[in-house]
C-alpha atoms as a PDB file:
ATOM      1  CA  MET A   1     104.163 101.124 184.457  1.00  0.00           C
ATOM      2  CA  ALA A   2     102.721 104.348 183.061  1.00  0.00           C
ATOM      3  CA  ASP A   3     104.417 106.683 180.638  1.00  0.00           C
ATOM      4  CA  PRO A   4     104.992 110.004 182.376  1.00  0.00           C
ATOM      5  CA  CYS A   5     102.604 112.849 181.936  1.00  0.00           C
ATOM      6  CA  PHE A   6     103.341 116.412 183.017  1.00  0.00           C
ATOM      7  CA  SER A   7     102.120 115.858 186.561  1.00  0.00           C
ATOM      8  CA  VAL A   8     104.977 113.408 187.218  1.00  0.00           C
ATOM      9  CA  ALA A   9     107.651 115.000 185.025  1.00  0.00           C
ATOM     10  CA  ALA A  10     111.091 115.970 186.320  1.00  0.00           C
ATOM     11  CA  ASP A  11     111.841 119.476 187.539  1.00  0.00           C
ATOM     12  CA  GLY A  12     112.072 122.075 184.812  1.00  0.00           C
ATOM     13  CA  TRP A  13     109.360 120.609 182.581  1.00  0.00           C
ATOM     14  CA  ALA A  14     107.077 123.627 183.021  1.00  0.00           C
ATOM     15  CA  ARG A  15     109.645 125.998 181.473  1.00  0.00           C
ATOM     16  CA  ASP A  16     109.995 123.666 178.476  1.00  0.00           C
ATOM     17  CA  VAL A  17     106.221 123.477 178.006  1.00  0.00           C
ATOM     18  CA  GLU A  18     105.885 127.250 178.261  1.00  0.00           C
ATOM     19  CA  GLU A  19     108.576 127.650 175.570  1.00  0.00           C
ATOM     20  CA  PHE A  20     106.709 125.187 173.348  1.00  0.00           C
ATOM     21  CA  GLU A  21     103.476 127.130 173.929  1.00  0.00           C
ATOM     22  CA  ARG A  22     105.157 130.399 173.012  1.00  0.00           C
ATOM     23  CA  ILE A  23     106.508 128.924 169.757  1.00  0.00           C
ATOM     24  CA  ALA A  24     103.214 127.249 168.809  1.00  0.00           C
ATOM     25  CA  ASP A  25     101.190 130.365 169.639  1.00  0.00           C
ATOM     26  CA  THR A  26     103.553 132.583 167.642  1.00  0.00           C
ATOM     27  CA  PHE A  27     103.236 130.163 164.711  1.00  0.00           C
ATOM     28  CA  THR A  28      99.428 130.307 164.939  1.00  0.00           C
ATOM     29  CA  ARG A  29      99.516 134.111 164.857  1.00  0.00           C
ATOM     30  CA  TRP A  30     102.117 134.048 162.032  1.00  0.00           C
ATOM     31  CA  ARG A  31      99.578 132.053 160.010  1.00  0.00           C
ATOM     32  CA  GLY A  32      96.912 134.690 160.729  1.00  0.00           C
ATOM     33  CA  GLY A  33      95.281 133.208 163.817  1.00  0.00           C
ATOM     34  CA  ARG A  34      94.458 135.032 167.013  1.00  0.00           C
ATOM     35  CA  ALA A  35      93.846 132.298 169.609  1.00  0.00           C
ATOM     36  CA  THR A  36      95.663 129.097 170.500  1.00  0.00           C
ATOM     37  CA  VAL A  37      94.341 126.555 172.959  1.00  0.00           C
ATOM     38  CA  PHE A  38      96.604 123.966 174.528  1.00  0.00           C
ATOM     39  CA  TYR A  39      95.596 120.998 176.603  1.00  0.00           C
ATOM     40  CA  GLU A  40      97.175 117.984 178.191  1.00  0.00           C
ATOM     41  CA  GLN A  41      95.023 114.976 178.868  1.00  0.00           C
ATOM     42  CA  GLY A  42      97.190 113.453 181.598  1.00  0.00           C
ATOM     43  CA  ARG A  43      96.721 109.754 182.293  1.00  0.00           C
ATOM     44  CA  ALA A  44      94.097 109.718 179.597  1.00  0.00           C
ATOM     45  CA  GLY A  45      93.488 110.195 175.896  1.00  0.00           C
ATOM     46  CA  GLY A  46      93.213 106.567 174.955  1.00  0.00           C
ATOM     47  CA  GLY A  47      96.180 105.739 177.163  1.00  0.00           C
ATOM     48  CA  GLN A  48      94.168 103.334 179.248  1.00  0.00           C
ATOM     49  CA  LEU A  49      95.620 100.714 181.516  1.00  0.00           C
ATOM     50  CA  LEU A  50      97.155  97.846 179.627  1.00  0.00           C
ATOM     51  CA  GLY A  51      94.671  95.008 179.766  1.00  0.00           C
ATOM     52  CA  ARG A  52      91.529  97.111 179.628  1.00  0.00           C
ATOM     53  CA  SER A  53      92.204  98.303 176.099  1.00  0.00           C
ATOM     54  CA  GLY A  54      95.801  97.463 175.256  1.00  0.00           C
ATOM     55  CA  PHE A  55      97.347 100.907 175.883  1.00  0.00           C
ATOM     56  CA  TRP A  56      99.357 102.427 178.714  1.00  0.00           C
ATOM     57  CA  HIS A  57      98.498 105.725 180.343  1.00  0.00           C
ATOM     58  CA  HIS A  58     100.284 108.512 178.518  1.00  0.00           C
ATOM     59  CA  ALA A  59     100.123 112.248 178.128  1.00  0.00           C
ATOM     60  CA  HIS A  60      98.681 114.081 175.164  1.00  0.00           C
ATOM     61  CA  TYR A  61      99.657 117.738 174.810  1.00  0.00           C
ATOM     62  CA  CYS A  62      97.897 119.357 171.915  1.00  0.00           C
ATOM     63  CA  SER A  63      97.738 122.809 170.434  1.00  0.00           C
ATOM     64  CA  TRP A  64      94.708 124.016 168.505  1.00  0.00           C
ATOM     65  CA  PRO A  65      94.674 127.094 166.257  1.00  0.00           C
ATOM     66  CA  GLY A  66      91.392 128.530 167.436  1.00  0.00           C
ATOM     67  CA  GLU A  67      89.027 128.784 170.340  1.00  0.00           C
ATOM     68  CA  ILE A  68      87.676 125.517 171.703  1.00  0.00           C
ATOM     69  CA  ASP A  69      85.938 124.800 174.986  1.00  0.00           C
ATOM     70  CA  VAL A  70      87.756 121.884 176.601  1.00  0.00           C
ATOM     71  CA  GLU A  71      86.027 122.311 179.947  1.00  0.00           C
ATOM     72  CA  ARG A  72      82.541 122.117 178.409  1.00  0.00           C
ATOM     73  CA  LEU A  73      83.470 118.902 176.614  1.00  0.00           C
ATOM     74  CA  VAL A  74      84.812 117.282 179.800  1.00  0.00           C
ATOM     75  CA  ARG A  75      81.626 118.334 181.629  1.00  0.00           C
ATOM     76  CA  THR A  76      79.573 116.323 179.119  1.00  0.00           C
ATOM     77  CA  MET A  77      81.320 113.208 180.485  1.00  0.00           C
ATOM     78  CA  ASP A  78      81.219 114.268 184.135  1.00  0.00           C
ATOM     79  CA  PRO A  79      79.080 117.279 185.107  1.00  0.00           C
ATOM     80  CA  ALA A  80      80.667 117.253 188.578  1.00  0.00           C
ATOM     81  CA  VAL A  81      84.229 117.919 187.425  1.00  0.00           C
ATOM     82  CA  VAL A  82      86.329 120.146 189.637  1.00  0.00           C
ATOM     83  CA  VAL A  83      87.885 123.098 187.802  1.00  0.00           C
ATOM     84  CA  THR A  84      90.537 125.328 189.346  1.00  0.00           C
ATOM     85  CA  GLN A  85      92.842 128.020 188.039  1.00  0.00           C
ATOM     86  CA  LEU A  86      96.411 126.796 187.581  1.00  0.00           C
ATOM     87  CA  ASP A  87      98.562 129.883 187.718  1.00  0.00           C
ATOM     88  CA  ASP A  88     101.869 127.979 187.807  1.00  0.00           C
ATOM     89  CA  LEU A  89     102.273 124.849 185.684  1.00  0.00           C
ATOM     90  CA  SER A  90     104.913 123.520 188.043  1.00  0.00           C
ATOM     91  CA  ASP A  91     102.118 123.133 190.680  1.00  0.00           C
ATOM     92  CA  LEU A  92     100.375 120.522 188.529  1.00  0.00           C
ATOM     93  CA  GLY A  93     101.814 117.430 190.239  1.00  0.00           C
ATOM     94  CA  ARG A  94     100.662 118.535 193.670  1.00  0.00           C
ATOM     95  CA  ALA A  95      97.253 119.626 192.412  1.00  0.00           C
ATOM     96  CA  ALA A  96      96.547 116.492 190.343  1.00  0.00           C
ATOM     97  CA  ALA A  97      97.732 114.185 193.152  1.00  0.00           C
ATOM     98  CA  GLY A  98      97.924 111.093 190.936  1.00  0.00           C
ATOM     99  CA  ARG A  99      94.453 111.490 189.416  1.00  0.00           C
ATOM    100  CA  PRO A 100      93.561 111.666 185.732  1.00  0.00           C
ATOM    101  CA  TYR A 101      93.267 115.299 184.711  1.00  0.00           C
ATOM    102  CA  VAL A 102      93.052 117.774 181.883  1.00  0.00           C
ATOM    103  CA  VAL A 103      95.057 120.991 181.829  1.00  0.00           C
ATOM    104  CA  THR A 104      93.833 123.619 179.410  1.00  0.00           C
ATOM    105  CA  ARG A 105      95.589 126.893 178.593  1.00  0.00           C
ATOM    106  CA  LYS A 106      94.296 129.589 176.283  1.00  0.00           C
ATOM    107  CA  PHE A 107      96.508 132.117 174.538  1.00  0.00           C
ATOM    108  CA  LEU A 108      94.957 135.160 172.941  1.00  0.00           C
ATOM    109  CA  ASP A 109      97.009 137.585 170.872  1.00  0.00           C
ATOM    110  CA  GLY A 110     100.278 136.218 172.231  1.00  0.00           C
ATOM    111  CA  ARG A 111      99.650 135.854 175.955  1.00  0.00           C
ATOM    112  CA  CYS A 112      98.193 133.215 178.244  1.00  0.00           C
ATOM    113  CA  VAL A 113      94.802 134.488 179.365  1.00  0.00           C
ATOM    114  CA  ASP A 114      93.492 131.345 181.078  1.00  0.00           C
ATOM    115  CA  SER A 115      95.072 128.247 182.636  1.00  0.00           C
ATOM    116  CA  ARG A 116      92.840 125.614 184.261  1.00  0.00           C
ATOM    117  CA  LEU A 117      93.098 122.206 185.841  1.00  0.00           C
ATOM    118  CA  ILE A 118      90.084 119.944 185.306  1.00  0.00           C
ATOM    119  CA  LEU A 119      89.735 116.913 187.599  1.00  0.00           C
ATOM    120  CA  PRO A 120      87.100 114.162 187.709  1.00  0.00           C
ATOM    121  CA  GLY A 121      84.359 114.792 190.250  1.00  0.00           C
ATOM    122  CA  SER A 122      84.639 111.320 191.745  1.00  0.00           C
ATOM    123  CA  GLU A 123      86.738 108.172 191.572  1.00  0.00           C
ATOM    124  CA  SER A 124      83.961 106.465 189.627  1.00  0.00           C
ATOM    125  CA  SER A 125      84.341 109.027 186.824  1.00  0.00           C
ATOM    126  CA  TRP A 126      88.119 108.520 186.507  1.00  0.00           C
ATOM    127  CA  THR A 127      87.675 105.728 183.985  1.00  0.00           C
ATOM    128  CA  ALA A 128      85.523 107.886 181.702  1.00  0.00           C
ATOM    129  CA  LEU A 129      88.219 110.563 181.600  1.00  0.00           C
ATOM    130  CA  GLU A 130      91.027 108.037 181.135  1.00  0.00           C
ATOM    131  CA  ASP A 131      89.178 106.319 178.288  1.00  0.00           C
ATOM    132  CA  SER A 132      88.121 109.463 176.452  1.00  0.00           C
ATOM    133  CA  HIS A 133      89.646 110.770 173.247  1.00  0.00           C
ATOM    134  CA  LEU A 134      89.006 114.498 173.609  1.00  0.00           C
ATOM    135  CA  LYS A 135      90.842 115.444 170.430  1.00  0.00           C
ATOM    136  CA  PHE A 136      88.152 113.997 168.164  1.00  0.00           C
ATOM    137  CA  SER A 137      85.307 115.933 169.783  1.00  0.00           C
ATOM    138  CA  LEU A 138      87.425 119.083 169.972  1.00  0.00           C
ATOM    139  CA  ALA A 139      88.222 118.780 166.259  1.00  0.00           C
ATOM    140  CA  GLU A 140      84.498 118.712 165.604  1.00  0.00           C
ATOM    141  CA  GLN A 141      84.129 122.004 167.559  1.00  0.00           C
ATOM    142  CA  LEU A 142      86.511 123.541 165.011  1.00  0.00           C
ATOM    143  CA  GLY A 143      84.667 121.962 162.093  1.00  0.00           C
ATOM    144  CA  GLU A 144      87.468 119.485 161.413  1.00  0.00           C
ATOM    145  CA  GLY A 145      85.500 116.277 161.961  1.00  0.00           C
ATOM    146  CA  ASP A 146      87.072 112.997 162.977  1.00  0.00           C
ATOM    147  CA  PHE A 147      90.716 112.897 161.970  1.00  0.00           C
ATOM    148  CA  ARG A 148      91.889 109.689 163.663  1.00  0.00           C
ATOM    149  CA  ASP A 149      94.294 109.040 160.816  1.00  0.00           C
ATOM    150  CA  TRP A 150      95.267 112.643 160.080  1.00  0.00           C
ATOM    151  CA  GLN A 151      98.401 111.695 158.148  1.00  0.00           C
ATOM    152  CA  THR A 152      96.419 109.857 155.479  1.00  0.00           C
ATOM    153  CA  ARG A 153      93.087 111.683 155.796  1.00  0.00           C
ATOM    154  CA  SER A 154      94.489 115.066 154.837  1.00  0.00           C
ATOM    155  CA  PRO A 155      98.085 114.598 153.654  1.00  0.00           C
ATOM    156  CA  GLU A 156      98.078 117.840 151.644  1.00  0.00           C
ATOM    157  CA  ARG A 157      97.048 119.858 154.680  1.00  0.00           C
ATOM    158  CA  THR A 158      99.587 118.063 156.865  1.00  0.00           C
ATOM    159  CA  SER A 159     102.301 118.699 154.287  1.00  0.00           C
ATOM    160  CA  GLN A 160     101.312 122.382 153.970  1.00  0.00           C
ATOM    161  CA  THR A 161     101.373 122.866 157.743  1.00  0.00           C
ATOM    162  CA  ALA A 162     104.827 121.251 157.938  1.00  0.00           C
ATOM    163  CA  HIS A 163     106.020 123.477 155.078  1.00  0.00           C
ATOM    164  CA  ASP A 164     104.612 126.570 156.801  1.00  0.00           C
ATOM    165  CA  PHE A 165     106.247 125.612 160.098  1.00  0.00           C
ATOM    166  CA  ARG A 166     109.655 125.191 158.419  1.00  0.00           C
ATOM    167  CA  ALA A 167     109.231 128.614 156.790  1.00  0.00           C
ATOM    168  CA  PHE A 168     108.194 130.091 160.141  1.00  0.00           C
ATOM    169  CA  THR A 169     111.185 128.638 161.995  1.00  0.00           C
ATOM    170  CA  SER A 170     113.548 129.765 159.230  1.00  0.00           C
ATOM    171  CA  SER A 171     112.213 133.319 159.298  1.00  0.00           C
ATOM    172  CA  THR A 172     112.315 133.355 163.125  1.00  0.00           C
ATOM    173  CA  HIS A 173     115.909 132.124 163.110  1.00  0.00           C
ATOM    174  CA  GLU A 174     116.922 134.729 160.506  1.00  0.00           C
ATOM    175  CA  ARG A 175     115.330 137.524 162.578  1.00  0.00           C
ATOM    176  CA  ARG A 176     117.221 136.361 165.677  1.00  0.00           C
ATOM    177  CA  MET A 177     120.512 136.284 163.771  1.00  0.00           C
ATOM    178  CA  ALA A 178     120.034 139.783 162.333  1.00  0.00           C
END
């Protein structure tokens, strides 16, 4: 049994994800950033089939404060990937059709400027996508290096980000109440 990823989520999930994206992107800009990239590595991200590596399939939805090229990274694993625009997140289940996939969405200055669905080019390349850990290579694109154990590798930075997010949500809540 696989843990659900967005492509098999119940109705209404797309609105919730879009609200999360809006909050995370606003937080990135509040901290002085301009771009936020989101991606979900559905049926992938180290969530391999139990037995092959000891993990279940599961979704990873990440937000990055900066510009990263998810598609280019996936193409290094499978040059024949199929990339299509995904104008409506709620179309993901139909478009992914049970395959491993990566959804990537780029926000620039507060609005979504690109939304793509990346699929393996063949069934034989499914395993490579399912077994990959994109977040480590993407972190390297941002100059972050390997942060497999981010809670202990950079606890001060983690603590500062949590502190900043609490301040952000408090200030946002106060503005809404005013």
